[in-house]
Amino acid sequence: MKKISQLTFAAAFIATLSSSAFAAPETFVIDGTHTMPRFSYSHFGYSKQLSRFNKTSGTIVLDKEAKTGSVDVTIDMTSVDTGYPLFNGHIQGEDFFNTAKYPTATFKSTKVNFDGDKPGTIEGNLTIKGVSKPVTLTLSSFQQMQHPMLKKDAIGANASTVVKRTDFNAGKYAPYVGDDVTIDIAVEAISQ
């Protein structure tokens, strides 16, 4: 009887070790209906202008046990929404986004840094108009839980960074129209 108890304990111990040591990373697909990259900048010092992109896709991979992950996001630059159709077309011109030649922007992570058991910052490369620059996204919130309607694991976060328009060859009217652009991303993603 003692030998059976020892074998049972050993089997349970090995199962515990193997489940934590081999916990698989989880892949989440970005929910385009609840993901909104926004950007804001100073307009001649009069006001802070706020616009967004309506079409975003990509994947997020998280391994909470190993405290690693990756983020791969594509933004459809032709979906820019300034709130004014004429300006939507203007900002897609060669002096700004040049969407005829560069219809998408991407962010590809190089490192996900955890703060405790949650991601805190994400380092990566942002590519706009064919120009790639390193940026760090700082998360102000992160949530992982079962989606109450879809009954699947889901994540959500809010992240931000500041970039210079001139770094991406989109600096017309700088510095009068602010060179510093704050990018805020509200993202939700559903487990595969």
C-alpha atoms as a PDB file:
ATOM      1  CA  MET A   1       0.000   0.000   0.000  1.00  0.00           C
ATOM      2  CA  LYS A   2       2.863   2.352   0.862  1.00  0.00           C
ATOM      3  CA  LYS A   3       4.465   1.681  -2.525  1.00  0.00           C
ATOM      4  CA  ILE A   4       1.215   2.549  -4.359  1.00  0.00           C
ATOM      5  CA  SER A   5       0.966   5.827  -2.429  1.00  0.00           C
ATOM      6  CA  GLN A   6       4.552   6.708  -3.332  1.00  0.00           C
ATOM      7  CA  LEU A   7       3.910   5.905  -7.021  1.00  0.00           C
ATOM      8  CA  THR A   8       0.713   7.980  -6.985  1.00  0.00           C
ATOM      9  CA  PHE A   9       2.546  10.910  -5.401  1.00  0.00           C
ATOM     10  CA  ALA A  10       5.424  10.592  -7.893  1.00  0.00           C
ATOM     11  CA  ALA A  11       3.019  10.494 -10.850  1.00  0.00           C
ATOM     12  CA  ALA A  12       1.132  13.549  -9.570  1.00  0.00           C
ATOM     13  CA  PHE A  13       4.396  15.411  -8.974  1.00  0.00           C
ATOM     14  CA  ILE A  14       5.677  14.626 -12.497  1.00  0.00           C
ATOM     15  CA  ALA A  15       2.336  15.668 -14.006  1.00  0.00           C
ATOM     16  CA  THR A  16       2.527  18.990 -12.146  1.00  0.00           C
ATOM     17  CA  LEU A  17       6.064  19.612 -13.334  1.00  0.00           C
ATOM     18  CA  SER A  18       5.346  18.694 -16.921  1.00  0.00           C
ATOM     19  CA  SER A  19       2.177  20.802 -17.126  1.00  0.00           C
ATOM     20  CA  SER A  20       3.988  23.928 -15.902  1.00  0.00           C
ATOM     21  CA  ALA A  21       7.227  23.258 -17.772  1.00  0.00           C
ATOM     22  CA  PHE A  22       5.449  22.632 -21.048  1.00  0.00           C
ATOM     23  CA  ALA A  23       2.634  25.186 -20.827  1.00  0.00           C
ATOM     24  CA  ALA A  24       2.029  26.170 -24.416  1.00  0.00           C
ATOM     25  CA  PRO A  25       1.922  29.754 -25.560  1.00  0.00           C
ATOM     26  CA  GLU A  26      -1.607  30.915 -26.383  1.00  0.00           C
ATOM     27  CA  THR A  27      -2.356  32.649 -29.694  1.00  0.00           C
ATOM     28  CA  PHE A  28      -4.983  35.385 -29.861  1.00  0.00           C
ATOM     29  CA  VAL A  29      -6.424  36.896 -33.054  1.00  0.00           C
ATOM     30  CA  ILE A  30      -7.083  40.631 -32.959  1.00  0.00           C
ATOM     31  CA  ASP A  31     -10.777  41.536 -32.903  1.00  0.00           C
ATOM     32  CA  GLY A  32     -11.011  44.310 -35.494  1.00  0.00           C
ATOM     33  CA  THR A  33     -14.376  45.474 -34.165  1.00  0.00           C
ATOM     34  CA  HIS A  34     -12.879  46.305 -30.761  1.00  0.00           C
ATOM     35  CA  THR A  35      -9.375  47.387 -31.738  1.00  0.00           C
ATOM     36  CA  MET A  36      -8.848  51.064 -32.459  1.00  0.00           C
ATOM     37  CA  PRO A  37      -5.433  52.607 -32.976  1.00  0.00           C
ATOM     38  CA  ARG A  38      -5.728  56.370 -32.461  1.00  0.00           C
ATOM     39  CA  PHE A  39      -3.255  59.165 -32.940  1.00  0.00           C
ATOM     40  CA  SER A  40      -3.168  62.739 -31.679  1.00  0.00           C
ATOM     41  CA  TYR A  41      -0.996  65.789 -32.337  1.00  0.00           C
ATOM     42  CA  SER A  42      -0.930  69.532 -31.818  1.00  0.00           C
ATOM     43  CA  HIS A  43      -2.575  71.555 -34.597  1.00  0.00           C
ATOM     44  CA  PHE A  44      -0.652  74.864 -34.669  1.00  0.00           C
ATOM     45  CA  GLY A  45      -0.929  74.914 -30.876  1.00  0.00           C
ATOM     46  CA  TYR A  46      -4.648  75.642 -31.134  1.00  0.00           C
ATOM     47  CA  SER A  47      -5.876  72.175 -30.239  1.00  0.00           C
ATOM     48  CA  LYS A  48      -4.995  68.528 -29.952  1.00  0.00           C
ATOM     49  CA  GLN A  49      -6.387  66.710 -32.968  1.00  0.00           C
ATOM     50  CA  LEU A  50      -7.509  63.096 -32.515  1.00  0.00           C
ATOM     51  CA  SER A  51      -8.008  60.584 -35.348  1.00  0.00           C
ATOM     52  CA  ARG A  52      -8.203  56.812 -35.624  1.00  0.00           C
ATOM     53  CA  PHE A  53      -7.883  53.830 -37.941  1.00  0.00           C
ATOM     54  CA  ASN A  54     -10.943  51.650 -38.476  1.00  0.00           C
ATOM     55  CA  LYS A  55      -9.274  48.453 -39.768  1.00  0.00           C
ATOM     56  CA  THR A  56      -6.640  46.547 -37.815  1.00  0.00           C
ATOM     57  CA  SER A  57      -5.599  42.887 -37.904  1.00  0.00           C
ATOM     58  CA  GLY A  58      -2.931  40.670 -36.395  1.00  0.00           C
ATOM     59  CA  THR A  59      -2.021  38.201 -33.687  1.00  0.00           C
ATOM     60  CA  ILE A  60      -0.775  38.269 -30.123  1.00  0.00           C
ATOM     61  CA  VAL A  61       1.009  35.291 -28.569  1.00  0.00           C
ATOM     62  CA  LEU A  62       1.374  35.032 -24.790  1.00  0.00           C
ATOM     63  CA  ASP A  63       3.060  32.497 -22.573  1.00  0.00           C
ATOM     64  CA  LYS A  64       2.253  33.693 -19.060  1.00  0.00           C
ATOM     65  CA  GLU A  65       4.225  30.847 -17.436  1.00  0.00           C
ATOM     66  CA  ALA A  66       7.427  31.712 -19.306  1.00  0.00           C
ATOM     67  CA  LYS A  67       6.587  35.452 -19.245  1.00  0.00           C
ATOM     68  CA  THR A  68       7.184  35.804 -22.975  1.00  0.00           C
ATOM     69  CA  GLY A  69       5.102  36.805 -25.948  1.00  0.00           C
ATOM     70  CA  SER A  70       4.929  38.439 -29.340  1.00  0.00           C
ATOM     71  CA  VAL A  71       2.744  40.985 -31.084  1.00  0.00           C
ATOM     72  CA  ASP A  72       2.217  41.321 -34.835  1.00  0.00           C
ATOM     73  CA  VAL A  73      -0.209  44.069 -35.895  1.00  0.00           C
ATOM     74  CA  THR A  74      -1.148  45.450 -39.316  1.00  0.00           C
ATOM     75  CA  ILE A  75      -3.054  48.726 -39.638  1.00  0.00           C
ATOM     76  CA  ASP A  76      -4.909  49.541 -42.858  1.00  0.00           C
ATOM     77  CA  MET A  77      -3.789  53.145 -43.367  1.00  0.00           C
ATOM     78  CA  THR A  78      -6.551  53.743 -45.920  1.00  0.00           C
ATOM     79  CA  SER A  79      -9.054  53.322 -43.070  1.00  0.00           C
ATOM     80  CA  VAL A  80      -7.917  56.557 -41.404  1.00  0.00           C
ATOM     81  CA  ASP A  81     -10.849  58.402 -39.865  1.00  0.00           C
ATOM     82  CA  THR A  82     -10.286  62.062 -39.010  1.00  0.00           C
ATOM     83  CA  GLY A  83     -14.010  62.734 -38.715  1.00  0.00           C
ATOM     84  CA  TYR A  84     -13.978  64.691 -41.982  1.00  0.00           C
ATOM     85  CA  PRO A  85     -13.997  62.827 -45.356  1.00  0.00           C
ATOM     86  CA  LEU A  86     -12.063  65.528 -47.241  1.00  0.00           C
ATOM     87  CA  PHE A  87      -9.270  65.467 -44.644  1.00  0.00           C
ATOM     88  CA  ASN A  88      -9.223  61.654 -44.715  1.00  0.00           C
ATOM     89  CA  GLY A  89      -8.174  61.927 -48.368  1.00  0.00           C
ATOM     90  CA  HIS A  90      -5.714  64.755 -47.649  1.00  0.00           C
ATOM     91  CA  ILE A  91      -3.888  62.859 -44.896  1.00  0.00           C
ATOM     92  CA  GLN A  92      -3.545  59.831 -47.193  1.00  0.00           C
ATOM     93  CA  GLY A  93      -1.590  61.949 -49.700  1.00  0.00           C
ATOM     94  CA  GLU A  94       2.163  61.796 -50.388  1.00  0.00           C
ATOM     95  CA  ASP A  95       3.048  64.441 -47.774  1.00  0.00           C
ATOM     96  CA  PHE A  96       1.592  62.363 -44.953  1.00  0.00           C
ATOM     97  CA  PHE A  97       0.691  58.628 -45.176  1.00  0.00           C
ATOM     98  CA  ASN A  98       1.040  58.136 -48.958  1.00  0.00           C
ATOM     99  CA  THR A  99      -1.410  55.235 -48.837  1.00  0.00           C
ATOM    100  CA  ALA A 100      -1.254  54.763 -52.626  1.00  0.00           C
ATOM    101  CA  LYS A 101       2.300  53.455 -52.150  1.00  0.00           C
ATOM    102  CA  TYR A 102       2.157  52.349 -48.479  1.00  0.00           C
ATOM    103  CA  PRO A 103      -1.375  51.128 -47.690  1.00  0.00           C
ATOM    104  CA  THR A 104      -0.422  49.492 -44.390  1.00  0.00           C
ATOM    105  CA  ALA A 105       1.630  50.172 -41.276  1.00  0.00           C
ATOM    106  CA  THR A 106       2.934  47.383 -39.051  1.00  0.00           C
ATOM    107  CA  PHE A 107       4.165  46.815 -35.528  1.00  0.00           C
ATOM    108  CA  LYS A 108       6.230  43.690 -34.854  1.00  0.00           C
ATOM    109  CA  SER A 109       7.436  43.091 -31.332  1.00  0.00           C
ATOM    110  CA  THR A 110      10.973  42.145 -30.403  1.00  0.00           C
ATOM    111  CA  LYS A 111      10.318  41.684 -26.671  1.00  0.00           C
ATOM    112  CA  VAL A 112       7.377  41.584 -24.267  1.00  0.00           C
ATOM    113  CA  ASN A 113       8.363  42.705 -20.767  1.00  0.00           C
ATOM    114  CA  PHE A 114       6.211  41.478 -17.901  1.00  0.00           C
ATOM    115  CA  ASP A 115       5.392  43.470 -14.780  1.00  0.00           C
ATOM    116  CA  GLY A 116       4.513  40.706 -12.342  1.00  0.00           C
ATOM    117  CA  ASP A 117       2.127  38.330 -14.109  1.00  0.00           C
ATOM    118  CA  LYS A 118       0.997  40.828 -16.791  1.00  0.00           C
ATOM    119  CA  PRO A 119       2.719  42.437 -19.787  1.00  0.00           C
ATOM    120  CA  GLY A 120       3.919  45.953 -18.898  1.00  0.00           C
ATOM    121  CA  THR A 121       5.803  47.137 -21.992  1.00  0.00           C
ATOM    122  CA  ILE A 122       6.259  45.818 -25.508  1.00  0.00           C
ATOM    123  CA  GLU A 123       9.369  46.665 -27.504  1.00  0.00           C
ATOM    124  CA  GLY A 124       9.256  46.399 -31.264  1.00  0.00           C
ATOM    125  CA  ASN A 125       9.557  47.981 -34.678  1.00  0.00           C
ATOM    126  CA  LEU A 126       6.930  50.309 -36.085  1.00  0.00           C
ATOM    127  CA  THR A 127       6.924  50.594 -39.887  1.00  0.00           C
ATOM    128  CA  ILE A 128       5.167  53.520 -41.564  1.00  0.00           C
ATOM    129  CA  LYS A 129       5.771  54.549 -45.203  1.00  0.00           C
ATOM    130  CA  GLY A 130       8.439  51.846 -45.485  1.00  0.00           C
ATOM    131  CA  VAL A 131      10.461  53.325 -42.594  1.00  0.00           C
ATOM    132  CA  SER A 132      11.013  51.134 -39.517  1.00  0.00           C
ATOM    133  CA  LYS A 133      11.837  52.615 -36.122  1.00  0.00           C
ATOM    134  CA  PRO A 134      12.094  50.993 -32.683  1.00  0.00           C
ATOM    135  CA  VAL A 135       9.311  51.974 -30.287  1.00  0.00           C
ATOM    136  CA  THR A 136       8.157  50.866 -26.854  1.00  0.00           C
ATOM    137  CA  LEU A 137       4.454  50.495 -26.163  1.00  0.00           C
ATOM    138  CA  THR A 138       3.538  51.093 -22.525  1.00  0.00           C
ATOM    139  CA  LEU A 139       0.449  49.257 -21.307  1.00  0.00           C
ATOM    140  CA  SER A 140      -1.850  51.171 -18.959  1.00  0.00           C
ATOM    141  CA  SER A 141      -4.165  48.178 -18.593  1.00  0.00           C
ATOM    142  CA  PHE A 142      -4.274  44.465 -19.402  1.00  0.00           C
ATOM    143  CA  GLN A 143      -7.020  41.903 -18.859  1.00  0.00           C
ATOM    144  CA  GLN A 144      -7.209  38.184 -19.656  1.00  0.00           C
ATOM    145  CA  MET A 145     -10.366  36.189 -18.987  1.00  0.00           C
ATOM    146  CA  GLN A 146     -13.036  34.134 -20.699  1.00  0.00           C
ATOM    147  CA  HIS A 147     -15.083  36.270 -23.073  1.00  0.00           C
ATOM    148  CA  PRO A 148     -18.610  36.286 -21.586  1.00  0.00           C
ATOM    149  CA  MET A 149     -20.338  36.015 -24.981  1.00  0.00           C
ATOM    150  CA  LEU A 150     -17.898  33.962 -27.070  1.00  0.00           C
ATOM    151  CA  LYS A 151     -16.968  31.562 -24.235  1.00  0.00           C
ATOM    152  CA  LYS A 152     -13.318  31.663 -25.313  1.00  0.00           C
ATOM    153  CA  ASP A 153     -10.210  33.014 -23.592  1.00  0.00           C
ATOM    154  CA  ALA A 154      -9.690  36.671 -24.543  1.00  0.00           C
ATOM    155  CA  ILE A 155      -7.315  39.517 -23.786  1.00  0.00           C
ATOM    156  CA  GLY A 156      -7.594  43.278 -23.878  1.00  0.00           C
ATOM    157  CA  ALA A 157      -5.149  46.099 -23.344  1.00  0.00           C
ATOM    158  CA  ASN A 158      -4.551  49.797 -23.761  1.00  0.00           C
ATOM    159  CA  ALA A 159      -1.085  50.807 -24.918  1.00  0.00           C
ATOM    160  CA  SER A 160       0.598  54.046 -25.961  1.00  0.00           C
ATOM    161  CA  THR A 161       3.795  55.484 -27.360  1.00  0.00           C
ATOM    162  CA  VAL A 162       5.022  58.782 -28.820  1.00  0.00           C
ATOM    163  CA  VAL A 163       6.754  59.024 -32.204  1.00  0.00           C
ATOM    164  CA  LYS A 164       7.984  61.841 -34.423  1.00  0.00           C
ATOM    165  CA  ARG A 165       6.271  62.319 -37.797  1.00  0.00           C
ATOM    166  CA  THR A 166       9.523  63.483 -39.338  1.00  0.00           C
ATOM    167  CA  ASP A 167      11.131  60.107 -38.523  1.00  0.00           C
ATOM    168  CA  PHE A 168       8.639  58.474 -40.902  1.00  0.00           C
ATOM    169  CA  ASN A 169       8.861  61.001 -43.776  1.00  0.00           C
ATOM    170  CA  ALA A 170       5.448  62.436 -42.857  1.00  0.00           C
ATOM    171  CA  GLY A 171       6.576  65.772 -41.430  1.00  0.00           C
ATOM    172  CA  LYS A 172       4.911  68.367 -43.637  1.00  0.00           C
ATOM    173  CA  TYR A 173       4.160  71.596 -41.715  1.00  0.00           C
ATOM    174  CA  ALA A 174       6.328  70.525 -38.767  1.00  0.00           C
ATOM    175  CA  PRO A 175       6.941  72.041 -36.289  1.00  0.00           C
ATOM    176  CA  TYR A 176       3.789  74.180 -36.630  1.00  0.00           C
ATOM    177  CA  VAL A 177       1.668  71.063 -36.861  1.00  0.00           C
ATOM    178  CA  GLY A 178       3.202  69.017 -34.044  1.00  0.00           C
ATOM    179  CA  ASP A 179       6.019  66.643 -34.870  1.00  0.00           C
ATOM    180  CA  ASP A 180       5.270  64.557 -31.756  1.00  0.00           C
ATOM    181  CA  VAL A 181       2.410  62.146 -32.346  1.00  0.00           C
ATOM    182  CA  THR A 182       0.891  60.155 -29.508  1.00  0.00           C
ATOM    183  CA  ILE A 183      -0.332  56.728 -30.592  1.00  0.00           C
ATOM    184  CA  ASP A 184      -2.912  55.054 -28.341  1.00  0.00           C
ATOM    185  CA  ILE A 185      -4.071  51.537 -29.101  1.00  0.00           C
ATOM    186  CA  ALA A 186      -7.130  49.916 -27.553  1.00  0.00           C
ATOM    187  CA  VAL A 187      -6.890  46.230 -28.473  1.00  0.00           C
ATOM    188  CA  GLU A 188      -8.965  43.127 -27.884  1.00  0.00           C
ATOM    189  CA  ALA A 189      -8.061  39.659 -29.125  1.00  0.00           C
ATOM    190  CA  ILE A 190      -9.710  36.234 -28.980  1.00  0.00           C
ATOM    191  CA  SER A 191      -7.987  32.900 -28.432  1.00  0.00           C
ATOM    192  CA  GLN A 192      -7.593  30.668 -31.507  1.00  0.00           C
END
